[in-house]
Amino acid sequence: MSTLRKEEAVKQIKVDENSPLFDRTGLLHKEFPSDFRQIRYFTLLIVQTAPPDIKEINLLEQQISEIIKNAVKHGNRCDMEKKVRVWYSFSPEHAHIIVEDEGEGFKDLEKWNEFNRKRQTLLEGDDFTALADYVSFRGAAADDNDGGNALFAALEYWNGGFVFNQKRNAVAMLKHFPRRHLGVAKESEN
């Protein structure tokens, strides 16, 4: 595969307010204060509605927790007066989540996409020396505990899409799970 084709294949975070992923019809809804200490609890309230046969329930929990944490920390700046709103739906075949905060939005989205494109190109080219400069993304408001790594993982995990609204303070995502075939159908006796 040529370098150009590899670069075209790099996943990016998109902005599309009209994405069907933002359709809230039929989704459950929760609203939380921006309490950083309660993120795990908020996540568990949501994930408890997921069916037990979703194999990677712990990974799903981690992904949802990271998105809520970003909304609390980066979006609402841990301001307890600001809310995080979550819409969600689970089935054995999918997880659909929308998380919205009251912040100004992800201002460094284009910079993050460019950083990720360069990072992926270096990974695919086995240029590990240059890759050292692309281990973690630091936006203008980042602290020592930030690195953009949750977004790298999110783009891989949410295989049905990961998209921001125009203001960039809401993100919608979809995960498709493979259908599980349990047992073998028995032929009916005549």
N, C-alpha and C. Protein backbone atom coordinates (compact mmCIF):
# COMPACT_ATOMS: atom_id res chain seq x y z
N MET A 1 0.85 -1.17 0.00
CA MET A 1 0.00 0.00 0.00
C MET A 1 0.89 1.24 0.00
N SER A 2 0.60 2.17 -0.88
CA SER A 2 1.42 3.38 -0.97
C SER A 2 1.20 4.26 0.26
N THR A 3 2.14 5.18 0.48
CA THR A 3 2.03 6.09 1.62
C THR A 3 0.75 6.92 1.51
N LEU A 4 0.41 7.37 0.32
CA LEU A 4 -0.79 8.18 0.13
C LEU A 4 -2.03 7.39 0.55
N ARG A 5 -2.10 6.14 0.16
CA ARG A 5 -3.26 5.32 0.52
C ARG A 5 -3.32 5.11 2.03
N LYS A 6 -2.17 4.94 2.66
CA LYS A 6 -2.14 4.77 4.11
C LYS A 6 -2.66 6.03 4.79
N GLU A 7 -2.23 7.19 4.30
CA GLU A 7 -2.66 8.45 4.90
C GLU A 7 -4.16 8.65 4.73
N GLU A 8 -4.70 8.25 3.58
CA GLU A 8 -6.14 8.39 3.36
C GLU A 8 -6.93 7.50 4.31
N ALA A 9 -6.34 6.38 4.73
CA ALA A 9 -7.04 5.43 5.57
C ALA A 9 -7.00 5.82 7.05
N VAL A 10 -6.26 6.84 7.43
CA VAL A 10 -6.17 7.25 8.82
C VAL A 10 -7.53 7.78 9.28
N LYS A 11 -8.01 7.22 10.36
CA LYS A 11 -9.30 7.66 10.91
C LYS A 11 -9.13 9.04 11.52
N GLN A 12 -10.17 9.84 11.38
CA GLN A 12 -10.17 11.19 11.94
C GLN A 12 -11.47 11.42 12.70
N ILE A 13 -11.41 12.35 13.63
CA ILE A 13 -12.62 12.77 14.32
C ILE A 13 -13.33 13.76 13.41
N LYS A 14 -14.60 13.54 13.22
CA LYS A 14 -15.37 14.40 12.31
C LYS A 14 -16.31 15.30 13.09
N VAL A 15 -16.69 16.39 12.43
CA VAL A 15 -17.71 17.30 12.96
C VAL A 15 -18.88 17.22 11.99
N ASP A 16 -20.03 16.75 12.48
CA ASP A 16 -21.21 16.63 11.64
C ASP A 16 -22.46 16.62 12.51
N GLU A 17 -22.99 17.79 12.72
CA GLU A 17 -24.17 17.95 13.56
C GLU A 17 -25.37 17.17 13.04
N ASN A 18 -25.39 16.88 11.75
CA ASN A 18 -26.51 16.18 11.14
C ASN A 18 -26.31 14.67 11.06
N SER A 19 -25.26 14.18 11.68
CA SER A 19 -25.01 12.74 11.69
C SER A 19 -26.19 12.02 12.35
N PRO A 20 -26.60 10.88 11.80
CA PRO A 20 -27.66 10.10 12.44
C PRO A 20 -27.27 9.64 13.85
N LEU A 21 -25.98 9.68 14.17
CA LEU A 21 -25.56 9.30 15.51
C LEU A 21 -26.07 10.26 16.57
N PHE A 22 -26.47 11.48 16.17
CA PHE A 22 -27.02 12.44 17.12
C PHE A 22 -28.54 12.30 17.31
N ASP A 23 -29.14 11.33 16.66
CA ASP A 23 -30.57 11.08 16.84
C ASP A 23 -30.80 10.48 18.23
N ARG A 24 -31.52 11.18 19.07
CA ARG A 24 -31.76 10.76 20.45
C ARG A 24 -33.04 9.93 20.61
N THR A 25 -33.76 9.69 19.53
CA THR A 25 -35.02 8.94 19.58
C THR A 25 -34.80 7.57 20.20
N GLY A 26 -35.57 7.29 21.24
CA GLY A 26 -35.53 5.97 21.88
C GLY A 26 -34.36 5.75 22.82
N LEU A 27 -33.50 6.74 23.01
CA LEU A 27 -32.35 6.58 23.88
C LEU A 27 -32.72 6.90 25.32
N LEU A 28 -32.09 6.21 26.25
CA LEU A 28 -32.22 6.54 27.66
C LEU A 28 -31.41 7.81 27.93
N HIS A 29 -31.71 8.50 29.04
CA HIS A 29 -31.04 9.78 29.30
C HIS A 29 -30.70 9.91 30.79
N LYS A 30 -29.50 10.39 31.06
CA LYS A 30 -29.08 10.73 32.43
C LYS A 30 -28.39 12.07 32.37
N GLU A 31 -28.46 12.79 33.50
CA GLU A 31 -27.81 14.09 33.62
C GLU A 31 -27.05 14.10 34.94
N PHE A 32 -25.79 14.56 34.89
CA PHE A 32 -24.93 14.52 36.07
C PHE A 32 -24.28 15.88 36.30
N PRO A 33 -23.95 16.19 37.57
CA PRO A 33 -23.13 17.37 37.84
C PRO A 33 -21.69 17.06 37.44
N SER A 34 -20.90 18.06 37.25
CA SER A 34 -19.50 17.87 36.83
C SER A 34 -18.60 17.58 38.03
N ASP A 35 -18.88 16.47 38.68
CA ASP A 35 -18.13 16.04 39.86
C ASP A 35 -17.12 14.98 39.44
N PHE A 36 -15.87 15.37 39.38
CA PHE A 36 -14.80 14.48 38.91
C PHE A 36 -14.72 13.21 39.75
N ARG A 37 -15.01 13.32 41.05
CA ARG A 37 -14.91 12.16 41.96
C ARG A 37 -15.98 11.12 41.68
N GLN A 38 -17.04 11.48 40.96
CA GLN A 38 -18.17 10.59 40.75
C GLN A 38 -18.22 9.98 39.34
N ILE A 39 -17.19 10.20 38.54
CA ILE A 39 -17.22 9.73 37.15
C ILE A 39 -17.43 8.22 37.07
N ARG A 40 -16.75 7.46 37.89
CA ARG A 40 -16.91 6.00 37.85
C ARG A 40 -18.35 5.61 38.19
N TYR A 41 -18.92 6.24 39.19
CA TYR A 41 -20.30 5.97 39.58
C TYR A 41 -21.26 6.31 38.45
N PHE A 42 -21.09 7.47 37.82
CA PHE A 42 -21.95 7.87 36.70
C PHE A 42 -21.86 6.84 35.58
N THR A 43 -20.64 6.40 35.31
CA THR A 43 -20.42 5.41 34.25
C THR A 43 -21.15 4.10 34.57
N LEU A 44 -21.04 3.66 35.81
CA LEU A 44 -21.71 2.41 36.19
C LEU A 44 -23.22 2.51 36.09
N LEU A 45 -23.78 3.68 36.38
CA LEU A 45 -25.23 3.87 36.23
C LEU A 45 -25.66 3.65 34.78
N ILE A 46 -24.81 4.04 33.86
CA ILE A 46 -25.13 3.88 32.43
C ILE A 46 -24.88 2.45 31.97
N VAL A 47 -23.72 1.92 32.29
CA VAL A 47 -23.31 0.60 31.78
C VAL A 47 -24.17 -0.52 32.36
N GLN A 48 -24.77 -0.31 33.52
CA GLN A 48 -25.59 -1.37 34.12
C GLN A 48 -26.75 -1.78 33.23
N THR A 49 -27.13 -0.91 32.28
CA THR A 49 -28.24 -1.26 31.39
C THR A 49 -27.78 -2.05 30.16
N ALA A 50 -26.47 -2.22 30.01
CA ALA A 50 -25.95 -3.00 28.87
C ALA A 50 -26.20 -4.49 29.11
N PRO A 51 -26.54 -5.22 28.07
CA PRO A 51 -26.78 -6.66 28.24
C PRO A 51 -25.48 -7.38 28.61
N PRO A 52 -25.59 -8.43 29.43
CA PRO A 52 -24.39 -9.13 29.89
C PRO A 52 -23.64 -9.85 28.78
N ASP A 53 -24.29 -10.10 27.66
CA ASP A 53 -23.58 -10.84 26.62
C ASP A 53 -22.71 -9.96 25.72
N ILE A 54 -22.58 -8.68 26.05
CA ILE A 54 -21.58 -7.87 25.35
C ILE A 54 -20.24 -8.28 25.94
N LYS A 55 -19.45 -8.97 25.17
CA LYS A 55 -18.21 -9.58 25.65
C LYS A 55 -17.27 -8.60 26.34
N GLU A 56 -17.11 -7.46 25.76
CA GLU A 56 -16.09 -6.53 26.23
C GLU A 56 -16.67 -5.45 27.13
N ILE A 57 -17.50 -5.86 28.08
CA ILE A 57 -18.19 -4.91 28.93
C ILE A 57 -17.20 -4.02 29.70
N ASN A 58 -16.07 -4.53 30.13
CA ASN A 58 -15.09 -3.71 30.84
C ASN A 58 -14.47 -2.66 29.93
N LEU A 59 -14.23 -3.02 28.70
CA LEU A 59 -13.70 -2.06 27.74
C LEU A 59 -14.75 -1.00 27.42
N LEU A 60 -16.00 -1.41 27.29
CA LEU A 60 -17.09 -0.47 27.07
C LEU A 60 -17.18 0.50 28.24
N GLU A 61 -17.09 -0.01 29.45
CA GLU A 61 -17.14 0.84 30.65
C GLU A 61 -16.00 1.85 30.64
N GLN A 62 -14.80 1.40 30.28
CA GLN A 62 -13.65 2.30 30.24
C GLN A 62 -13.85 3.39 29.20
N GLN A 63 -14.35 3.04 28.03
CA GLN A 63 -14.57 4.02 26.97
C GLN A 63 -15.58 5.08 27.39
N ILE A 64 -16.69 4.64 27.98
CA ILE A 64 -17.71 5.58 28.42
C ILE A 64 -17.16 6.48 29.53
N SER A 65 -16.42 5.90 30.45
CA SER A 65 -15.82 6.67 31.55
C SER A 65 -14.90 7.76 31.02
N GLU A 66 -14.09 7.45 30.02
CA GLU A 66 -13.16 8.43 29.45
C GLU A 66 -13.91 9.58 28.79
N ILE A 67 -14.99 9.28 28.11
CA ILE A 67 -15.76 10.33 27.44
C ILE A 67 -16.43 11.23 28.48
N ILE A 68 -16.99 10.62 29.52
CA ILE A 68 -17.59 11.43 30.58
C ILE A 68 -16.52 12.26 31.29
N LYS A 69 -15.38 11.66 31.54
CA LYS A 69 -14.28 12.39 32.19
C LYS A 69 -13.85 13.59 31.36
N ASN A 70 -13.76 13.43 30.05
CA ASN A 70 -13.41 14.56 29.18
C ASN A 70 -14.46 15.67 29.27
N ALA A 71 -15.73 15.28 29.33
CA ALA A 71 -16.79 16.28 29.43
C ALA A 71 -16.71 17.04 30.76
N VAL A 72 -16.48 16.31 31.85
CA VAL A 72 -16.39 16.94 33.17
C VAL A 72 -15.16 17.82 33.26
N LYS A 73 -14.00 17.26 32.89
CA LYS A 73 -12.72 17.96 33.09
C LYS A 73 -12.47 19.05 32.06
N HIS A 74 -12.56 18.71 30.79
CA HIS A 74 -12.20 19.66 29.73
C HIS A 74 -13.36 20.54 29.32
N GLY A 75 -14.56 19.94 29.22
CA GLY A 75 -15.72 20.71 28.80
C GLY A 75 -16.21 21.65 29.88
N ASN A 76 -16.56 21.07 31.03
CA ASN A 76 -17.16 21.86 32.10
C ASN A 76 -16.16 22.35 33.14
N ARG A 77 -14.91 21.99 32.98
CA ARG A 77 -13.84 22.44 33.90
C ARG A 77 -14.17 22.14 35.36
N CYS A 78 -14.81 20.99 35.59
CA CYS A 78 -15.18 20.53 36.94
C CYS A 78 -16.06 21.52 37.69
N ASP A 79 -16.77 22.34 36.95
CA ASP A 79 -17.70 23.30 37.55
C ASP A 79 -18.98 22.54 37.93
N MET A 80 -19.21 22.38 39.23
CA MET A 80 -20.34 21.57 39.71
C MET A 80 -21.70 22.13 39.29
N GLU A 81 -21.73 23.38 38.89
CA GLU A 81 -22.99 23.98 38.43
C GLU A 81 -23.33 23.56 37.01
N LYS A 82 -22.34 23.07 36.28
CA LYS A 82 -22.55 22.66 34.89
C LYS A 82 -22.84 21.16 34.83
N LYS A 83 -23.70 20.79 33.92
CA LYS A 83 -24.15 19.41 33.79
C LYS A 83 -23.49 18.69 32.61
N VAL A 84 -23.40 17.38 32.75
CA VAL A 84 -23.04 16.49 31.65
C VAL A 84 -24.29 15.67 31.37
N ARG A 85 -24.70 15.67 30.11
CA ARG A 85 -25.89 14.92 29.70
C ARG A 85 -25.46 13.74 28.84
N VAL A 86 -26.05 12.60 29.14
CA VAL A 86 -25.68 11.37 28.42
C VAL A 86 -26.96 10.70 27.94
N TRP A 87 -27.01 10.38 26.66
CA TRP A 87 -28.07 9.59 26.06
C TRP A 87 -27.42 8.28 25.64
N TYR A 88 -28.14 7.17 25.80
CA TYR A 88 -27.50 5.89 25.53
C TYR A 88 -28.52 4.79 25.22
N SER A 89 -28.02 3.81 24.51
CA SER A 89 -28.81 2.63 24.15
C SER A 89 -27.85 1.46 23.97
N PHE A 90 -28.23 0.30 24.49
CA PHE A 90 -27.41 -0.90 24.36
C PHE A 90 -28.27 -2.06 23.88
N SER A 91 -27.66 -2.93 23.13
CA SER A 91 -28.26 -4.21 22.76
C SER A 91 -27.10 -5.20 22.61
N PRO A 92 -27.38 -6.46 22.39
CA PRO A 92 -26.26 -7.39 22.15
C PRO A 92 -25.46 -7.04 20.89
N GLU A 93 -26.04 -6.22 20.00
CA GLU A 93 -25.35 -5.87 18.75
C GLU A 93 -24.75 -4.47 18.73
N HIS A 94 -25.11 -3.61 19.71
CA HIS A 94 -24.61 -2.23 19.62
C HIS A 94 -24.52 -1.52 20.97
N ALA A 95 -23.72 -0.48 20.98
CA ALA A 95 -23.70 0.51 22.07
C ALA A 95 -23.73 1.87 21.38
N HIS A 96 -24.69 2.70 21.74
CA HIS A 96 -24.85 4.03 21.13
C HIS A 96 -24.87 5.04 22.28
N ILE A 97 -23.95 5.99 22.24
CA ILE A 97 -23.79 6.96 23.33
C ILE A 97 -23.69 8.36 22.74
N ILE A 98 -24.32 9.31 23.40
CA ILE A 98 -24.13 10.74 23.11
C ILE A 98 -23.81 11.41 24.44
N VAL A 99 -22.72 12.16 24.49
CA VAL A 99 -22.32 12.87 25.70
C VAL A 99 -22.19 14.35 25.35
N GLU A 100 -22.87 15.18 26.14
CA GLU A 100 -22.85 16.62 25.89
C GLU A 100 -22.51 17.35 27.19
N ASP A 101 -21.61 18.34 27.09
CA ASP A 101 -21.29 19.17 28.24
C ASP A 101 -21.70 20.61 27.96
N GLU A 102 -21.46 21.50 28.89
CA GLU A 102 -21.82 22.90 28.75
C GLU A 102 -20.61 23.78 28.46
N GLY A 103 -19.53 23.17 28.01
CA GLY A 103 -18.30 23.91 27.76
C GLY A 103 -18.27 24.57 26.39
N GLU A 104 -17.10 25.13 26.08
CA GLU A 104 -16.90 25.87 24.82
C GLU A 104 -16.63 24.96 23.63
N GLY A 105 -16.40 23.69 23.86
CA GLY A 105 -16.14 22.76 22.76
C GLY A 105 -14.66 22.47 22.60
N PHE A 106 -14.39 21.42 21.83
CA PHE A 106 -13.03 20.95 21.58
C PHE A 106 -12.39 21.81 20.51
N LYS A 107 -11.71 22.87 20.93
CA LYS A 107 -11.14 23.86 20.01
C LYS A 107 -9.95 23.33 19.20
N ASP A 108 -9.27 22.32 19.73
CA ASP A 108 -8.06 21.82 19.06
C ASP A 108 -8.32 20.59 18.20
N LEU A 109 -9.54 20.41 17.75
CA LEU A 109 -9.90 19.22 16.99
C LEU A 109 -9.06 19.04 15.72
N GLU A 110 -8.91 20.09 14.94
CA GLU A 110 -8.12 19.98 13.71
C GLU A 110 -6.66 19.67 14.03
N LYS A 111 -6.13 20.31 15.08
CA LYS A 111 -4.74 20.04 15.49
C LYS A 111 -4.61 18.59 15.94
N TRP A 112 -5.61 18.09 16.66
CA TRP A 112 -5.56 16.70 17.10
C TRP A 112 -5.60 15.75 15.90
N ASN A 113 -6.47 16.02 14.93
CA ASN A 113 -6.55 15.17 13.73
C ASN A 113 -5.23 15.16 12.97
N GLU A 114 -4.59 16.31 12.84
CA GLU A 114 -3.29 16.38 12.15
C GLU A 114 -2.23 15.62 12.94
N PHE A 115 -2.22 15.79 14.25
CA PHE A 115 -1.30 15.07 15.11
C PHE A 115 -1.49 13.56 14.94
N ASN A 116 -2.74 13.12 14.96
CA ASN A 116 -3.05 11.70 14.81
C ASN A 116 -2.64 11.18 13.42
N ARG A 117 -2.85 11.99 12.38
CA ARG A 117 -2.44 11.58 11.03
C ARG A 117 -0.94 11.35 10.98
N LYS A 118 -0.18 12.29 11.53
CA LYS A 118 1.28 12.14 11.55
C LYS A 118 1.69 10.94 12.38
N ARG A 119 1.05 10.77 13.51
CA ARG A 119 1.35 9.64 14.40
C ARG A 119 1.13 8.31 13.68
N GLN A 120 -0.02 8.17 13.00
CA GLN A 120 -0.33 6.94 12.28
C GLN A 120 0.65 6.68 11.14
N THR A 121 1.02 7.74 10.43
CA THR A 121 1.98 7.61 9.33
C THR A 121 3.32 7.09 9.85
N LEU A 122 3.77 7.62 10.97
CA LEU A 122 5.03 7.17 11.57
C LEU A 122 4.93 5.73 12.07
N LEU A 123 3.80 5.38 12.66
CA LEU A 123 3.60 3.99 13.12
C LEU A 123 3.65 3.02 11.95
N GLU A 124 2.92 3.35 10.88
CA GLU A 124 2.88 2.47 9.71
C GLU A 124 4.21 2.40 8.99
N GLY A 125 5.00 3.47 9.10
CA GLY A 125 6.32 3.49 8.48
C GLY A 125 7.42 2.96 9.38
N ASP A 126 7.06 2.47 10.56
CA ASP A 126 8.03 1.95 11.54
C ASP A 126 9.11 2.96 11.89
N ASP A 127 8.76 4.24 11.88
CA ASP A 127 9.72 5.30 12.23
C ASP A 127 9.57 5.62 13.72
N PHE A 128 10.09 4.72 14.54
CA PHE A 128 9.89 4.82 15.98
C PHE A 128 10.70 5.95 16.61
N THR A 129 11.76 6.38 15.97
CA THR A 129 12.54 7.50 16.48
C THR A 129 11.71 8.78 16.41
N ALA A 130 11.12 9.05 15.26
CA ALA A 130 10.28 10.25 15.10
C ALA A 130 8.99 10.11 15.88
N LEU A 131 8.52 8.88 16.05
CA LEU A 131 7.28 8.64 16.77
C LEU A 131 7.36 9.11 18.23
N ALA A 132 8.56 9.18 18.77
CA ALA A 132 8.74 9.64 20.15
C ALA A 132 8.14 11.04 20.36
N ASP A 133 8.08 11.84 19.30
CA ASP A 133 7.50 13.18 19.40
C ASP A 133 5.97 13.16 19.29
N TYR A 134 5.39 12.00 19.05
CA TYR A 134 3.95 11.88 18.85
C TYR A 134 3.31 10.86 19.80
N VAL A 135 3.87 10.76 20.98
CA VAL A 135 3.34 9.82 21.96
C VAL A 135 2.04 10.34 22.55
N SER A 136 1.98 11.62 22.87
CA SER A 136 0.75 12.18 23.45
C SER A 136 0.52 13.59 22.92
N PHE A 137 -0.75 13.89 22.73
CA PHE A 137 -1.17 15.20 22.23
C PHE A 137 -1.44 16.12 23.41
N ARG A 138 -0.90 17.32 23.34
CA ARG A 138 -1.13 18.31 24.39
C ARG A 138 -1.77 19.55 23.78
N GLY A 139 -3.05 19.72 24.08
CA GLY A 139 -3.75 20.92 23.63
C GLY A 139 -3.42 22.09 24.53
N ALA A 140 -3.97 23.23 24.22
CA ALA A 140 -3.68 24.47 24.97
C ALA A 140 -4.06 24.35 26.44
N ALA A 141 -5.11 23.63 26.76
CA ALA A 141 -5.59 23.53 28.14
C ALA A 141 -5.15 22.24 28.83
N ALA A 142 -4.21 21.52 28.25
CA ALA A 142 -3.79 20.22 28.80
C ALA A 142 -2.98 20.39 30.07
N ASP A 143 -3.05 19.37 30.93
CA ASP A 143 -2.18 19.34 32.10
C ASP A 143 -1.30 18.10 32.00
N ASP A 144 -0.54 17.82 33.05
CA ASP A 144 0.41 16.70 33.02
C ASP A 144 -0.26 15.34 32.89
N ASN A 145 -1.55 15.26 33.19
CA ASN A 145 -2.26 13.99 33.11
C ASN A 145 -2.99 13.80 31.79
N ASP A 146 -2.88 14.75 30.89
CA ASP A 146 -3.56 14.66 29.60
C ASP A 146 -2.58 14.20 28.52
N GLY A 147 -3.13 13.56 27.52
CA GLY A 147 -2.29 13.14 26.42
C GLY A 147 -3.04 12.78 25.16
N GLY A 148 -4.34 12.94 25.16
CA GLY A 148 -5.11 12.62 23.97
C GLY A 148 -5.23 11.13 23.71
N ASN A 149 -4.73 10.31 24.63
CA ASN A 149 -4.73 8.87 24.40
C ASN A 149 -6.14 8.28 24.40
N ALA A 150 -7.04 8.87 25.17
CA ALA A 150 -8.42 8.37 25.18
C ALA A 150 -9.05 8.54 23.80
N LEU A 151 -8.72 9.61 23.11
CA LEU A 151 -9.27 9.81 21.76
C LEU A 151 -8.66 8.83 20.75
N PHE A 152 -7.38 8.51 20.90
CA PHE A 152 -6.77 7.51 20.01
C PHE A 152 -7.52 6.19 20.15
N ALA A 153 -7.76 5.78 21.39
CA ALA A 153 -8.47 4.53 21.65
C ALA A 153 -9.93 4.60 21.19
N ALA A 154 -10.57 5.76 21.39
CA ALA A 154 -11.97 5.90 21.01
C ALA A 154 -12.17 5.72 19.50
N LEU A 155 -11.28 6.28 18.71
CA LEU A 155 -11.42 6.14 17.26
C LEU A 155 -11.34 4.68 16.82
N GLU A 156 -10.56 3.90 17.53
CA GLU A 156 -10.47 2.47 17.20
C GLU A 156 -11.67 1.70 17.73
N TYR A 157 -12.10 2.02 18.93
CA TYR A 157 -13.16 1.25 19.59
C TYR A 157 -14.53 1.49 18.96
N TRP A 158 -14.90 2.75 18.74
CA TRP A 158 -16.24 3.08 18.26
C TRP A 158 -16.30 2.90 16.74
N ASN A 159 -16.46 1.66 16.31
CA ASN A 159 -16.37 1.29 14.89
C ASN A 159 -17.57 1.72 14.05
N GLY A 160 -18.62 2.22 14.67
CA GLY A 160 -19.78 2.70 13.93
C GLY A 160 -19.79 4.21 13.75
N GLY A 161 -18.77 4.87 14.30
CA GLY A 161 -18.65 6.31 14.15
C GLY A 161 -18.36 7.00 15.47
N PHE A 162 -17.67 8.14 15.35
CA PHE A 162 -17.31 8.98 16.49
C PHE A 162 -17.29 10.40 15.96
N VAL A 163 -18.30 11.19 16.32
CA VAL A 163 -18.49 12.49 15.66
C VAL A 163 -18.91 13.56 16.67
N PHE A 164 -18.40 14.76 16.47
CA PHE A 164 -18.75 15.91 17.30
C PHE A 164 -19.83 16.75 16.63
N ASN A 165 -20.58 17.50 17.44
CA ASN A 165 -21.52 18.47 16.89
C ASN A 165 -20.73 19.72 16.47
N GLN A 166 -21.40 20.68 15.86
CA GLN A 166 -20.73 21.86 15.33
C GLN A 166 -20.03 22.66 16.44
N LYS A 167 -20.68 22.79 17.58
CA LYS A 167 -20.07 23.52 18.70
C LYS A 167 -18.91 22.74 19.33
N ARG A 168 -18.89 21.43 19.09
CA ARG A 168 -17.85 20.52 19.59
C ARG A 168 -17.93 20.29 21.09
N ASN A 169 -19.10 20.48 21.64
CA ASN A 169 -19.30 20.19 23.06
C ASN A 169 -20.17 18.95 23.26
N ALA A 170 -20.47 18.25 22.18
CA ALA A 170 -21.21 16.99 22.25
C ALA A 170 -20.56 16.02 21.27
N VAL A 171 -20.48 14.78 21.70
CA VAL A 171 -19.91 13.74 20.85
C VAL A 171 -20.87 12.55 20.85
N ALA A 172 -21.07 11.99 19.66
CA ALA A 172 -21.93 10.82 19.49
C ALA A 172 -21.08 9.68 18.96
N MET A 173 -21.34 8.49 19.47
CA MET A 173 -20.53 7.34 19.06
C MET A 173 -21.35 6.07 19.02
N LEU A 174 -20.91 5.16 18.18
CA LEU A 174 -21.62 3.89 18.00
C LEU A 174 -20.61 2.76 17.89
N LYS A 175 -20.88 1.69 18.62
CA LYS A 175 -20.07 0.48 18.55
C LYS A 175 -20.96 -0.66 18.09
N HIS A 176 -20.53 -1.35 17.04
CA HIS A 176 -21.21 -2.56 16.58
C HIS A 176 -20.50 -3.76 17.18
N PHE A 177 -21.26 -4.67 17.76
CA PHE A 177 -20.70 -5.91 18.28
C PHE A 177 -21.07 -7.03 17.33
N PRO A 178 -20.19 -7.98 17.13
CA PRO A 178 -20.54 -9.10 16.25
C PRO A 178 -21.66 -9.93 16.87
N ARG A 179 -22.52 -10.41 16.00
CA ARG A 179 -23.60 -11.27 16.48
C ARG A 179 -23.01 -12.57 16.99
N ARG A 180 -23.54 -12.99 18.10
CA ARG A 180 -23.09 -14.25 18.68
C ARG A 180 -24.07 -15.35 18.31
N HIS A 181 -23.56 -16.48 17.93
CA HIS A 181 -24.39 -17.63 17.60
C HIS A 181 -24.19 -18.68 18.68
N LEU A 182 -25.16 -18.81 19.53
CA LEU A 182 -25.07 -19.75 20.65
C LEU A 182 -25.77 -21.04 20.27
N GLY A 183 -25.04 -22.12 20.31
CA GLY A 183 -25.62 -23.42 20.04
C GLY A 183 -25.93 -23.63 18.57
N VAL A 184 -26.52 -24.76 18.30
CA VAL A 184 -26.87 -25.12 16.94
C VAL A 184 -28.37 -25.36 16.91
N ALA A 185 -29.01 -24.81 15.91
CA ALA A 185 -30.46 -25.01 15.77
C ALA A 185 -30.76 -26.48 15.53
N LYS A 186 -31.76 -26.99 16.23
CA LYS A 186 -32.15 -28.36 16.12
C LYS A 186 -33.19 -28.52 15.00
N GLU A 187 -33.02 -29.53 14.19
CA GLU A 187 -34.01 -29.77 13.16
C GLU A 187 -35.31 -30.24 13.80
N SER A 188 -36.41 -29.73 13.28
CA SER A 188 -37.69 -30.14 13.85
C SER A 188 -38.02 -31.57 13.43
N GLU A 189 -38.65 -32.27 14.33
CA GLU A 189 -39.02 -33.66 14.04
C GLU A 189 -40.38 -33.67 13.36
N ASN A 190 -40.50 -34.45 12.30
CA ASN A 190 -41.78 -34.57 11.58
C ASN A 190 -42.42 -35.87 11.89
